[in-house]
Amino acid sequence: MKKLALSALALFVMTASAMTLHNGTASASTPELATNAAYRDGLYLGKFAAQNGNDAHVATARWARSEDREIFAAGYQQSYNAVLASRTAESSETGR
């Protein structure tokens, strides 16, 4: 069970790193993203999908500009992966 938790954590870190490198303008630590509607929408929908046990489905067509689509996708993936990682960590703690 520990291997599964470590694998999930490693996958999350790699995905977050790849998203940050792929989209250099979209870093979760930048204040511009805190006020970006596309990013916040992605965070919300990614969290909602992961909490409901749905597969990741990044619906970027919600946004007209390609920049907004990329930012939405980054927020969605970040939030979705964070929820999955927290679930994996919780399940590994309770499985001890």
N, C-alpha and C. Protein backbone atom coordinates (compact mmCIF):
# COMPACT_ATOMS: atom_id res chain seq x y z
N MET A 1 0.82 -1.18 0.00
CA MET A 1 0.00 0.00 0.00
C MET A 1 0.87 1.26 0.00
N LYS A 2 2.04 1.18 0.66
CA LYS A 2 2.93 2.33 0.68
C LYS A 2 3.46 2.63 -0.72
N LYS A 3 3.71 1.58 -1.49
CA LYS A 3 4.22 1.78 -2.85
C LYS A 3 3.19 2.50 -3.70
N LEU A 4 1.92 2.17 -3.51
CA LEU A 4 0.86 2.84 -4.25
C LEU A 4 0.80 4.32 -3.89
N ALA A 5 0.90 4.62 -2.61
CA ALA A 5 0.87 6.02 -2.18
C ALA A 5 2.07 6.79 -2.70
N LEU A 6 3.23 6.17 -2.66
CA LEU A 6 4.42 6.85 -3.16
C LEU A 6 4.34 7.02 -4.68
N SER A 7 3.79 6.05 -5.36
CA SER A 7 3.64 6.16 -6.81
C SER A 7 2.68 7.28 -7.16
N ALA A 8 1.57 7.37 -6.45
CA ALA A 8 0.60 8.43 -6.70
C ALA A 8 1.20 9.80 -6.41
N LEU A 9 1.96 9.91 -5.34
CA LEU A 9 2.60 11.17 -5.00
C LEU A 9 3.63 11.55 -6.06
N ALA A 10 4.40 10.57 -6.51
CA ALA A 10 5.40 10.84 -7.56
C ALA A 10 4.71 11.28 -8.84
N LEU A 11 3.61 10.63 -9.20
CA LEU A 11 2.86 11.01 -10.39
C LEU A 11 2.34 12.43 -10.28
N PHE A 12 1.83 12.78 -9.11
CA PHE A 12 1.34 14.14 -8.89
C PHE A 12 2.45 15.17 -9.05
N VAL A 13 3.60 14.90 -8.46
CA VAL A 13 4.72 15.84 -8.53
C VAL A 13 5.20 15.99 -9.97
N MET A 14 5.27 14.87 -10.70
CA MET A 14 5.70 14.94 -12.09
C MET A 14 4.70 15.71 -12.94
N THR A 15 3.43 15.49 -12.72
CA THR A 15 2.41 16.20 -13.48
C THR A 15 2.44 17.69 -13.20
N ALA A 16 2.56 18.04 -11.93
CA ALA A 16 2.61 19.45 -11.56
C ALA A 16 3.85 20.12 -12.16
N SER A 17 4.97 19.41 -12.13
CA SER A 17 6.20 19.96 -12.71
C SER A 17 6.06 20.13 -14.22
N ALA A 18 5.48 19.13 -14.87
CA ALA A 18 5.31 19.21 -16.32
C ALA A 18 4.38 20.35 -16.70
N MET A 19 3.31 20.52 -15.94
CA MET A 19 2.37 21.60 -16.24
C MET A 19 3.04 22.96 -16.05
N THR A 20 3.86 23.09 -15.04
CA THR A 20 4.55 24.34 -14.78
C THR A 20 5.56 24.62 -15.89
N LEU A 21 6.29 23.59 -16.31
CA LEU A 21 7.26 23.78 -17.37
C LEU A 21 6.59 24.02 -18.71
N HIS A 22 5.50 23.31 -18.97
CA HIS A 22 4.78 23.45 -20.24
C HIS A 22 4.16 24.83 -20.39
N ASN A 23 3.62 25.34 -19.31
CA ASN A 23 2.93 26.61 -19.35
C ASN A 23 3.66 27.58 -18.41
N GLY A 24 4.75 28.14 -18.89
CA GLY A 24 5.59 28.98 -18.07
C GLY A 24 4.88 30.17 -17.46
N THR A 25 3.82 30.63 -18.08
CA THR A 25 3.10 31.78 -17.54
C THR A 25 2.15 31.40 -16.42
N ALA A 26 1.81 30.12 -16.32
CA ALA A 26 0.83 29.68 -15.33
C ALA A 26 1.51 28.93 -14.20
N SER A 27 1.86 29.64 -13.18
CA SER A 27 2.42 29.03 -11.99
C SER A 27 1.49 29.35 -10.84
N ALA A 28 1.21 28.35 -10.01
CA ALA A 28 0.23 28.54 -8.93
C ALA A 28 0.65 29.62 -7.95
N SER A 29 1.92 29.98 -7.94
CA SER A 29 2.38 30.96 -6.97
C SER A 29 2.24 32.40 -7.48
N THR A 30 1.84 32.58 -8.72
CA THR A 30 1.74 33.94 -9.23
C THR A 30 0.41 34.56 -8.83
N PRO A 31 0.44 35.81 -8.40
CA PRO A 31 -0.80 36.48 -7.99
C PRO A 31 -1.79 36.68 -9.13
N GLU A 32 -1.30 36.73 -10.38
CA GLU A 32 -2.20 36.92 -11.51
C GLU A 32 -3.20 35.77 -11.62
N LEU A 33 -2.76 34.57 -11.27
CA LEU A 33 -3.66 33.42 -11.38
C LEU A 33 -4.75 33.45 -10.32
N ALA A 34 -4.49 34.06 -9.21
CA ALA A 34 -5.49 34.12 -8.15
C ALA A 34 -6.72 34.90 -8.60
N THR A 35 -6.54 35.80 -9.55
CA THR A 35 -7.66 36.59 -10.04
C THR A 35 -8.09 36.19 -11.45
N ASN A 36 -7.49 35.14 -12.00
CA ASN A 36 -7.81 34.71 -13.35
C ASN A 36 -9.03 33.78 -13.31
N ALA A 37 -10.08 34.17 -14.01
CA ALA A 37 -11.33 33.40 -13.99
C ALA A 37 -11.16 32.00 -14.56
N ALA A 38 -10.40 31.87 -15.62
CA ALA A 38 -10.21 30.56 -16.24
C ALA A 38 -9.49 29.61 -15.29
N TYR A 39 -8.48 30.12 -14.61
CA TYR A 39 -7.72 29.29 -13.66
C TYR A 39 -8.59 28.87 -12.48
N ARG A 40 -9.33 29.82 -11.93
CA ARG A 40 -10.21 29.50 -10.79
C ARG A 40 -11.29 28.53 -11.20
N ASP A 41 -11.82 28.68 -12.40
CA ASP A 41 -12.82 27.76 -12.92
C ASP A 41 -12.24 26.35 -13.05
N GLY A 42 -11.02 26.27 -13.55
CA GLY A 42 -10.34 24.98 -13.66
C GLY A 42 -10.10 24.35 -12.30
N LEU A 43 -9.69 25.15 -11.33
CA LEU A 43 -9.49 24.63 -9.97
C LEU A 43 -10.79 24.05 -9.42
N TYR A 44 -11.87 24.79 -9.60
CA TYR A 44 -13.16 24.35 -9.06
C TYR A 44 -13.64 23.07 -9.73
N LEU A 45 -13.63 23.05 -11.07
CA LEU A 45 -14.15 21.89 -11.78
C LEU A 45 -13.26 20.66 -11.60
N GLY A 46 -11.95 20.87 -11.50
CA GLY A 46 -11.05 19.74 -11.26
C GLY A 46 -11.29 19.13 -9.90
N LYS A 47 -11.46 19.97 -8.90
CA LYS A 47 -11.74 19.49 -7.55
C LYS A 47 -13.08 18.78 -7.50
N PHE A 48 -14.07 19.35 -8.15
CA PHE A 48 -15.41 18.78 -8.17
C PHE A 48 -15.41 17.39 -8.84
N ALA A 49 -14.72 17.29 -9.95
CA ALA A 49 -14.65 16.01 -10.67
C ALA A 49 -13.95 14.94 -9.84
N ALA A 50 -12.84 15.31 -9.22
CA ALA A 50 -12.09 14.34 -8.43
C ALA A 50 -12.87 13.91 -7.19
N GLN A 51 -13.54 14.83 -6.55
CA GLN A 51 -14.32 14.50 -5.35
C GLN A 51 -15.49 13.59 -5.68
N ASN A 52 -16.05 13.71 -6.88
CA ASN A 52 -17.17 12.87 -7.29
C ASN A 52 -16.72 11.57 -7.93
N GLY A 53 -15.41 11.36 -8.02
CA GLY A 53 -14.88 10.12 -8.58
C GLY A 53 -14.95 10.05 -10.09
N ASN A 54 -15.11 11.17 -10.76
CA ASN A 54 -15.15 11.19 -12.22
C ASN A 54 -13.75 11.15 -12.80
N ASP A 55 -13.65 10.66 -14.04
CA ASP A 55 -12.38 10.71 -14.75
C ASP A 55 -12.06 12.16 -15.10
N ALA A 56 -10.78 12.44 -15.27
CA ALA A 56 -10.36 13.79 -15.65
C ALA A 56 -10.84 14.08 -17.06
N HIS A 57 -11.62 15.12 -17.21
CA HIS A 57 -12.11 15.55 -18.52
C HIS A 57 -11.99 17.07 -18.57
N VAL A 58 -10.92 17.53 -19.16
CA VAL A 58 -10.64 18.96 -19.20
C VAL A 58 -11.38 19.56 -20.39
N ALA A 59 -12.49 20.23 -20.09
CA ALA A 59 -13.34 20.83 -21.13
C ALA A 59 -12.86 22.24 -21.45
N THR A 60 -11.80 22.34 -22.22
CA THR A 60 -11.22 23.65 -22.50
C THR A 60 -12.05 24.48 -23.46
N ALA A 61 -13.02 23.88 -24.12
CA ALA A 61 -13.85 24.63 -25.07
C ALA A 61 -14.72 25.68 -24.35
N ARG A 62 -14.72 25.61 -23.02
CA ARG A 62 -15.46 26.61 -22.25
C ARG A 62 -14.88 28.01 -22.44
N TRP A 63 -13.63 28.08 -22.88
CA TRP A 63 -12.94 29.36 -22.98
C TRP A 63 -12.56 29.62 -24.43
N ALA A 64 -12.74 30.86 -24.86
CA ALA A 64 -12.53 31.21 -26.27
C ALA A 64 -11.05 31.38 -26.61
N ARG A 65 -10.30 32.05 -25.76
CA ARG A 65 -8.89 32.33 -26.06
C ARG A 65 -8.02 31.13 -25.71
N SER A 66 -7.01 30.88 -26.53
CA SER A 66 -6.13 29.74 -26.29
C SER A 66 -5.37 29.90 -24.98
N GLU A 67 -5.02 31.12 -24.61
CA GLU A 67 -4.32 31.35 -23.34
C GLU A 67 -5.22 30.95 -22.16
N ASP A 68 -6.49 31.31 -22.25
CA ASP A 68 -7.43 30.94 -21.18
C ASP A 68 -7.63 29.43 -21.13
N ARG A 69 -7.62 28.78 -22.29
CA ARG A 69 -7.75 27.33 -22.32
C ARG A 69 -6.58 26.66 -21.61
N GLU A 70 -5.39 27.15 -21.86
CA GLU A 70 -4.20 26.57 -21.22
C GLU A 70 -4.23 26.79 -19.71
N ILE A 71 -4.62 27.98 -19.31
CA ILE A 71 -4.67 28.29 -17.88
C ILE A 71 -5.76 27.48 -17.19
N PHE A 72 -6.91 27.33 -17.84
CA PHE A 72 -7.98 26.50 -17.30
C PHE A 72 -7.49 25.07 -17.11
N ALA A 73 -6.82 24.53 -18.13
CA ALA A 73 -6.32 23.15 -18.06
C ALA A 73 -5.30 22.99 -16.93
N ALA A 74 -4.45 23.98 -16.75
CA ALA A 74 -3.46 23.92 -15.67
C ALA A 74 -4.15 23.90 -14.31
N GLY A 75 -5.13 24.75 -14.12
CA GLY A 75 -5.86 24.78 -12.85
C GLY A 75 -6.62 23.49 -12.61
N TYR A 76 -7.25 22.98 -13.65
CA TYR A 76 -8.01 21.73 -13.55
C TYR A 76 -7.10 20.59 -13.13
N GLN A 77 -5.99 20.42 -13.84
CA GLN A 77 -5.07 19.32 -13.55
C GLN A 77 -4.48 19.45 -12.15
N GLN A 78 -4.13 20.66 -11.77
CA GLN A 78 -3.55 20.87 -10.44
C GLN A 78 -4.53 20.46 -9.35
N SER A 79 -5.74 20.92 -9.46
CA SER A 79 -6.75 20.63 -8.45
C SER A 79 -7.15 19.16 -8.46
N TYR A 80 -7.35 18.59 -9.64
CA TYR A 80 -7.74 17.18 -9.77
C TYR A 80 -6.66 16.28 -9.15
N ASN A 81 -5.41 16.54 -9.50
CA ASN A 81 -4.32 15.73 -8.97
C ASN A 81 -4.13 15.91 -7.47
N ALA A 82 -4.37 17.12 -6.98
CA ALA A 82 -4.23 17.36 -5.54
C ALA A 82 -5.27 16.57 -4.76
N VAL A 83 -6.49 16.51 -5.24
CA VAL A 83 -7.53 15.75 -4.56
C VAL A 83 -7.19 14.26 -4.58
N LEU A 84 -6.74 13.76 -5.73
CA LEU A 84 -6.38 12.35 -5.82
C LEU A 84 -5.21 12.02 -4.91
N ALA A 85 -4.23 12.91 -4.84
CA ALA A 85 -3.08 12.68 -3.97
C ALA A 85 -3.49 12.68 -2.50
N SER A 86 -4.40 13.57 -2.13
CA SER A 86 -4.84 13.60 -0.73
C SER A 86 -5.64 12.35 -0.39
N ARG A 87 -6.44 11.87 -1.33
CA ARG A 87 -7.18 10.62 -1.11
C ARG A 87 -6.23 9.44 -0.94
N THR A 88 -5.19 9.40 -1.77
CA THR A 88 -4.22 8.32 -1.69
C THR A 88 -3.48 8.36 -0.36
N ALA A 89 -3.12 9.58 0.07
CA ALA A 89 -2.44 9.72 1.36
C ALA A 89 -3.34 9.31 2.51
N GLU A 90 -4.61 9.68 2.44
CA GLU A 90 -5.56 9.30 3.50
C GLU A 90 -5.76 7.79 3.54
N SER A 91 -5.88 7.19 2.37
CA SER A 91 -6.11 5.73 2.34
C SER A 91 -4.88 4.98 2.80
N SER A 92 -3.70 5.50 2.55
CA SER A 92 -2.50 4.81 3.01
C SER A 92 -2.33 4.95 4.53
N GLU A 93 -2.81 6.07 5.07
CA GLU A 93 -2.73 6.25 6.53
C GLU A 93 -3.73 5.34 7.25
N THR A 94 -4.91 5.19 6.70
CA THR A 94 -5.92 4.35 7.34
C THR A 94 -5.64 2.87 7.13
N GLY A 95 -4.83 2.54 6.12
CA GLY A 95 -4.52 1.15 5.82
C GLY A 95 -3.42 0.57 6.68
N ARG A 96 -2.83 1.36 7.54
CA ARG A 96 -1.72 0.89 8.38
C ARG A 96 -2.19 -0.06 9.42
